[in-house]
Amino acid sequence: MITLETIQKNLSAAIKQSGLTQTELGQKLGVSQQTISHYLNGDKLPALDTFANLCAIIDVNPADILTEHSF
């Protein structure tokens, strides 16, 4: 069973693996660097539309974030 903690870990790992800086990713996504930092630290999760755009930007299948998948 997938947990919120697993989703947060997967999202953080995928962002780190993208090679983009927090600033670059924030600019591409239209959010602040601080918001990206919150995603990386597991402090919060993006809204669904932001999540979909984030996955497209970092070229990761959303299902990989939302399942028991390790990066």
N, C-alpha and C. Protein backbone atom coordinates (compact mmCIF):
# COMPACT_ATOMS: atom_id res chain seq x y z
N MET A 1 0.84 -1.18 0.00
CA MET A 1 0.00 0.00 0.00
C MET A 1 0.89 1.25 0.00
N ILE A 2 0.57 2.18 -0.85
CA ILE A 2 1.35 3.41 -0.96
C ILE A 2 0.99 4.35 0.19
N THR A 3 1.98 5.03 0.72
CA THR A 3 1.75 5.99 1.79
C THR A 3 2.15 7.37 1.33
N LEU A 4 1.66 8.37 2.02
CA LEU A 4 2.02 9.74 1.71
C LEU A 4 3.53 9.93 1.85
N GLU A 5 4.11 9.30 2.83
CA GLU A 5 5.56 9.38 3.04
C GLU A 5 6.32 8.83 1.83
N THR A 6 5.84 7.72 1.27
CA THR A 6 6.49 7.13 0.10
C THR A 6 6.38 8.06 -1.10
N ILE A 7 5.23 8.67 -1.28
CA ILE A 7 5.04 9.61 -2.39
C ILE A 7 6.00 10.78 -2.23
N GLN A 8 6.12 11.31 -1.02
CA GLN A 8 7.03 12.43 -0.78
C GLN A 8 8.48 12.04 -1.06
N LYS A 9 8.87 10.85 -0.64
CA LYS A 9 10.25 10.38 -0.88
C LYS A 9 10.50 10.20 -2.38
N ASN A 10 9.53 9.60 -3.08
CA ASN A 10 9.68 9.39 -4.53
C ASN A 10 9.77 10.72 -5.27
N LEU A 11 8.92 11.67 -4.87
CA LEU A 11 8.93 12.97 -5.52
C LEU A 11 10.27 13.67 -5.29
N SER A 12 10.74 13.66 -4.07
CA SER A 12 12.02 14.28 -3.75
C SER A 12 13.15 13.64 -4.54
N ALA A 13 13.18 12.32 -4.60
CA ALA A 13 14.23 11.61 -5.34
C ALA A 13 14.17 11.94 -6.82
N ALA A 14 12.98 12.01 -7.39
CA ALA A 14 12.85 12.32 -8.82
C ALA A 14 13.31 13.73 -9.12
N ILE A 15 12.99 14.67 -8.24
CA ILE A 15 13.44 16.05 -8.44
C ILE A 15 14.96 16.12 -8.39
N LYS A 16 15.55 15.48 -7.39
CA LYS A 16 17.01 15.49 -7.26
C LYS A 16 17.67 14.84 -8.47
N GLN A 17 17.07 13.76 -8.95
CA GLN A 17 17.63 13.02 -10.09
C GLN A 17 17.54 13.83 -11.39
N SER A 18 16.64 14.79 -11.46
CA SER A 18 16.45 15.56 -12.69
C SER A 18 17.68 16.38 -13.06
N GLY A 19 18.48 16.73 -12.06
CA GLY A 19 19.66 17.54 -12.33
C GLY A 19 19.39 19.03 -12.39
N LEU A 20 18.13 19.42 -12.28
CA LEU A 20 17.78 20.84 -12.28
C LEU A 20 17.98 21.41 -10.88
N THR A 21 18.41 22.66 -10.82
CA THR A 21 18.48 23.32 -9.53
C THR A 21 17.07 23.67 -9.08
N GLN A 22 16.93 23.97 -7.81
CA GLN A 22 15.62 24.35 -7.29
C GLN A 22 15.12 25.62 -7.99
N THR A 23 16.03 26.54 -8.24
CA THR A 23 15.66 27.79 -8.92
C THR A 23 15.21 27.52 -10.34
N GLU A 24 15.97 26.71 -11.09
CA GLU A 24 15.60 26.38 -12.47
C GLU A 24 14.24 25.71 -12.53
N LEU A 25 14.04 24.73 -11.66
CA LEU A 25 12.78 24.01 -11.65
C LEU A 25 11.63 24.93 -11.28
N GLY A 26 11.84 25.77 -10.30
CA GLY A 26 10.81 26.73 -9.90
C GLY A 26 10.42 27.65 -11.04
N GLN A 27 11.42 28.13 -11.78
CA GLN A 27 11.14 29.02 -12.91
C GLN A 27 10.33 28.29 -13.99
N LYS A 28 10.72 27.06 -14.30
CA LYS A 28 10.01 26.30 -15.33
C LYS A 28 8.58 25.98 -14.89
N LEU A 29 8.41 25.77 -13.59
CA LEU A 29 7.11 25.37 -13.06
C LEU A 29 6.23 26.55 -12.69
N GLY A 30 6.84 27.73 -12.55
CA GLY A 30 6.09 28.93 -12.17
C GLY A 30 5.83 29.02 -10.68
N VAL A 31 6.75 28.45 -9.89
CA VAL A 31 6.65 28.54 -8.42
C VAL A 31 8.00 29.02 -7.89
N SER A 32 8.03 29.36 -6.63
CA SER A 32 9.28 29.86 -6.05
C SER A 32 10.25 28.73 -5.75
N GLN A 33 11.50 29.10 -5.59
CA GLN A 33 12.53 28.13 -5.18
C GLN A 33 12.17 27.55 -3.83
N GLN A 34 11.59 28.37 -2.97
CA GLN A 34 11.20 27.92 -1.63
C GLN A 34 10.13 26.82 -1.71
N THR A 35 9.23 26.93 -2.66
CA THR A 35 8.20 25.89 -2.85
C THR A 35 8.86 24.58 -3.25
N ILE A 36 9.82 24.64 -4.16
CA ILE A 36 10.54 23.43 -4.57
C ILE A 36 11.25 22.83 -3.36
N SER A 37 11.83 23.67 -2.54
CA SER A 37 12.49 23.21 -1.33
C SER A 37 11.51 22.46 -0.42
N HIS A 38 10.30 22.97 -0.31
CA HIS A 38 9.27 22.30 0.49
C HIS A 38 8.95 20.91 -0.08
N TYR A 39 8.90 20.81 -1.40
CA TYR A 39 8.66 19.50 -2.03
C TYR A 39 9.80 18.54 -1.71
N LEU A 40 11.03 19.03 -1.80
CA LEU A 40 12.21 18.19 -1.55
C LEU A 40 12.29 17.73 -0.10
N ASN A 41 11.89 18.59 0.81
CA ASN A 41 11.95 18.26 2.23
C ASN A 41 10.74 17.47 2.71
N GLY A 42 9.76 17.29 1.85
CA GLY A 42 8.56 16.57 2.24
C GLY A 42 7.62 17.39 3.10
N ASP A 43 7.82 18.71 3.12
CA ASP A 43 6.96 19.57 3.91
C ASP A 43 5.58 19.73 3.30
N LYS A 44 5.52 19.65 1.97
CA LYS A 44 4.23 19.72 1.30
C LYS A 44 4.32 19.07 -0.07
N LEU A 45 3.16 18.79 -0.62
CA LEU A 45 3.06 18.20 -1.95
C LEU A 45 2.42 19.20 -2.90
N PRO A 46 2.75 19.12 -4.18
CA PRO A 46 2.15 20.05 -5.14
C PRO A 46 0.68 19.71 -5.39
N ALA A 47 -0.06 20.71 -5.84
CA ALA A 47 -1.44 20.50 -6.30
C ALA A 47 -1.39 19.57 -7.51
N LEU A 48 -2.48 18.94 -7.83
CA LEU A 48 -2.50 17.96 -8.92
C LEU A 48 -2.03 18.53 -10.25
N ASP A 49 -2.48 19.73 -10.60
CA ASP A 49 -2.05 20.31 -11.87
C ASP A 49 -0.55 20.63 -11.84
N THR A 50 -0.07 21.11 -10.72
CA THR A 50 1.36 21.38 -10.56
C THR A 50 2.15 20.08 -10.60
N PHE A 51 1.63 19.05 -9.97
CA PHE A 51 2.27 17.74 -9.98
C PHE A 51 2.42 17.22 -11.41
N ALA A 52 1.36 17.32 -12.19
CA ALA A 52 1.40 16.86 -13.58
C ALA A 52 2.44 17.63 -14.38
N ASN A 53 2.49 18.95 -14.21
CA ASN A 53 3.47 19.77 -14.92
C ASN A 53 4.89 19.48 -14.44
N LEU A 54 5.04 19.27 -13.15
CA LEU A 54 6.35 18.93 -12.59
C LEU A 54 6.88 17.63 -13.19
N CYS A 55 6.02 16.63 -13.26
CA CYS A 55 6.43 15.35 -13.84
C CYS A 55 6.84 15.51 -15.29
N ALA A 56 6.12 16.35 -16.03
CA ALA A 56 6.47 16.58 -17.43
C ALA A 56 7.82 17.28 -17.54
N ILE A 57 8.07 18.26 -16.68
CA ILE A 57 9.32 19.01 -16.73
C ILE A 57 10.52 18.12 -16.40
N ILE A 58 10.37 17.27 -15.38
CA ILE A 58 11.51 16.43 -14.99
C ILE A 58 11.50 15.09 -15.72
N ASP A 59 10.56 14.94 -16.65
CA ASP A 59 10.47 13.77 -17.52
C ASP A 59 10.38 12.46 -16.72
N VAL A 60 9.39 12.41 -15.85
CA VAL A 60 9.15 11.20 -15.07
C VAL A 60 7.66 10.86 -15.17
N ASN A 61 7.37 9.60 -15.23
CA ASN A 61 5.99 9.13 -15.28
C ASN A 61 5.36 9.35 -13.91
N PRO A 62 4.23 10.03 -13.83
CA PRO A 62 3.58 10.24 -12.53
C PRO A 62 3.33 8.94 -11.78
N ALA A 63 3.09 7.87 -12.48
CA ALA A 63 2.86 6.58 -11.83
C ALA A 63 4.08 6.13 -11.04
N ASP A 64 5.26 6.53 -11.50
CA ASP A 64 6.48 6.17 -10.77
C ASP A 64 6.56 6.87 -9.42
N ILE A 65 5.96 8.03 -9.31
CA ILE A 65 5.93 8.77 -8.05
C ILE A 65 4.86 8.18 -7.13
N LEU A 66 3.76 7.76 -7.72
CA LEU A 66 2.59 7.35 -6.95
C LEU A 66 2.53 5.87 -6.66
N THR A 67 3.62 5.17 -6.89
CA THR A 67 3.66 3.72 -6.61
C THR A 67 4.91 3.40 -5.80
N GLU A 68 4.97 2.17 -5.34
CA GLU A 68 6.14 1.69 -4.59
C GLU A 68 7.29 1.53 -5.58
N HIS A 69 7.97 2.61 -5.87
CA HIS A 69 9.03 2.64 -6.87
C HIS A 69 10.21 3.35 -6.24
N SER A 70 11.38 2.84 -6.42
CA SER A 70 12.55 3.54 -5.89
C SER A 70 13.39 4.09 -7.01
N PHE A 71 13.90 5.28 -6.81
CA PHE A 71 14.72 5.96 -7.82
C PHE A 71 16.17 5.72 -7.56
